[in-house]
Protein backbone atom coordinates (compact mmCIF):
# COMPACT_ATOMS: atom_id res chain seq x y z
CA MET A 1 87.82 73.09 67.46
CA LYS A 2 84.50 72.81 69.31
CA ASN A 3 86.32 72.87 72.66
CA LEU A 4 88.26 75.97 71.66
CA ILE A 5 85.03 77.76 70.75
CA LEU A 6 83.43 76.76 74.08
CA PHE A 7 86.55 77.95 75.92
CA LEU A 8 86.54 81.32 74.14
CA ILE A 9 82.79 81.82 74.67
CA ALA A 10 83.18 81.17 78.42
CA LEU A 11 86.27 83.39 78.69
CA VAL A 12 84.76 86.32 76.80
CA SER A 13 81.41 85.99 78.61
CA VAL A 14 83.00 86.12 82.06
CA PHE A 15 85.26 89.02 81.03
CA VAL A 16 82.37 91.06 79.58
CA ILE A 17 80.08 90.39 82.56
CA ASP A 18 82.88 91.34 84.97
CA GLN A 19 83.58 94.61 83.17
CA TYR A 20 79.86 95.43 82.94
CA ILE A 21 79.37 94.92 86.68
CA LYS A 22 82.39 97.13 87.39
CA LEU A 23 80.95 99.89 85.19
CA ILE A 24 77.59 99.69 86.96
CA PHE A 25 79.25 100.25 90.34
CA ILE A 26 81.54 103.00 89.03
CA ASP A 27 78.40 104.78 87.74
CA GLY A 28 77.06 104.81 91.30
CA PHE A 29 75.03 101.62 91.75
CA ARG A 30 74.52 100.75 95.39
CA TYR A 31 72.47 98.13 97.20
CA GLU A 32 72.09 98.24 100.94
CA GLY A 33 70.29 95.35 102.51
CA ASN A 34 70.38 92.98 105.39
CA PRO A 35 72.73 91.07 105.76
CA ILE A 36 74.51 92.01 102.50
CA SER A 37 75.32 95.47 101.13
CA LEU A 38 76.87 96.02 97.72
CA ILE A 39 78.96 99.20 97.52
CA LEU A 40 82.01 100.30 95.54
CA VAL A 41 85.30 99.96 97.44
CA TYR A 42 88.75 100.47 95.93
CA ASN A 43 91.47 98.03 96.99
CA LYS A 44 94.95 98.93 95.75
CA GLY A 45 96.47 95.54 96.56
CA VAL A 46 95.53 91.90 96.51
CA ALA A 47 93.52 90.38 99.36
CA PHE A 48 93.35 93.12 101.98
CA SER A 49 96.05 95.28 100.32
CA ILE A 50 98.77 92.64 100.42
CA PHE A 51 101.40 93.55 97.78
CA SER A 52 100.11 97.14 97.61
CA PHE A 53 103.74 98.27 97.49
CA LEU A 54 103.94 96.91 93.92
CA LYS A 55 101.54 99.64 92.74
CA GLU A 56 101.38 99.74 88.92
CA TYR A 57 103.49 96.59 88.51
CA LEU A 58 100.81 94.46 90.16
CA LYS A 59 98.65 94.37 87.01
CA TYR A 60 101.59 93.07 84.97
CA ILE A 61 102.33 90.38 87.52
CA GLN A 62 98.67 89.34 87.46
CA LEU A 63 98.73 89.21 83.65
CA VAL A 64 101.80 86.97 83.73
CA LEU A 65 100.05 84.68 86.23
CA ILE A 66 96.94 84.46 84.03
CA VAL A 67 99.04 83.60 80.97
CA GLY A 68 100.92 81.03 83.06
CA VAL A 69 97.70 79.37 84.21
CA GLY A 70 96.46 79.35 80.60
CA PHE A 71 99.69 77.74 79.41
CA PHE A 72 99.48 75.12 82.19
CA LEU A 73 95.88 74.27 81.29
CA TYR A 74 96.85 73.96 77.62
CA ARG A 75 99.94 71.84 78.30
CA GLU A 76 98.07 69.47 80.60
CA LYS A 77 95.26 69.11 78.01
CA LEU A 78 92.77 70.51 80.52
CA LEU A 79 91.48 73.02 77.97
CA LYS A 80 90.28 70.11 75.83
CA LEU A 81 88.85 68.16 78.76
CA HIS A 82 87.17 71.10 80.53
CA PRO A 83 86.82 74.02 78.09
CA ILE A 84 83.99 75.85 79.86
CA ILE A 85 85.51 75.62 83.34
CA SER A 86 88.91 76.69 81.97
CA GLY A 87 87.33 79.67 80.22
CA ILE A 88 85.56 80.74 83.38
CA LEU A 89 88.78 80.39 85.40
CA ILE A 90 90.87 82.48 83.01
CA GLY A 91 88.07 84.96 82.22
């Protein structure tokens, strides 16, 4: 039970932080520095627009992959052995 709670805390934390950062950039946050600049860029595909032809189906394929990884981690008992790392990976 403790491992499940740790897993869920890690998963929810990563998900919430990710969504918060996305909202900040959508609202217009920008950082321009040297050598790194942080600006909002839309990418319609995966890794340099690979699979962009899938359009709206891409999110469903990604969801299936995430569920598949979660099932694999559960089946191999990796969720019990590494709950925080598993939560971060899936989150």
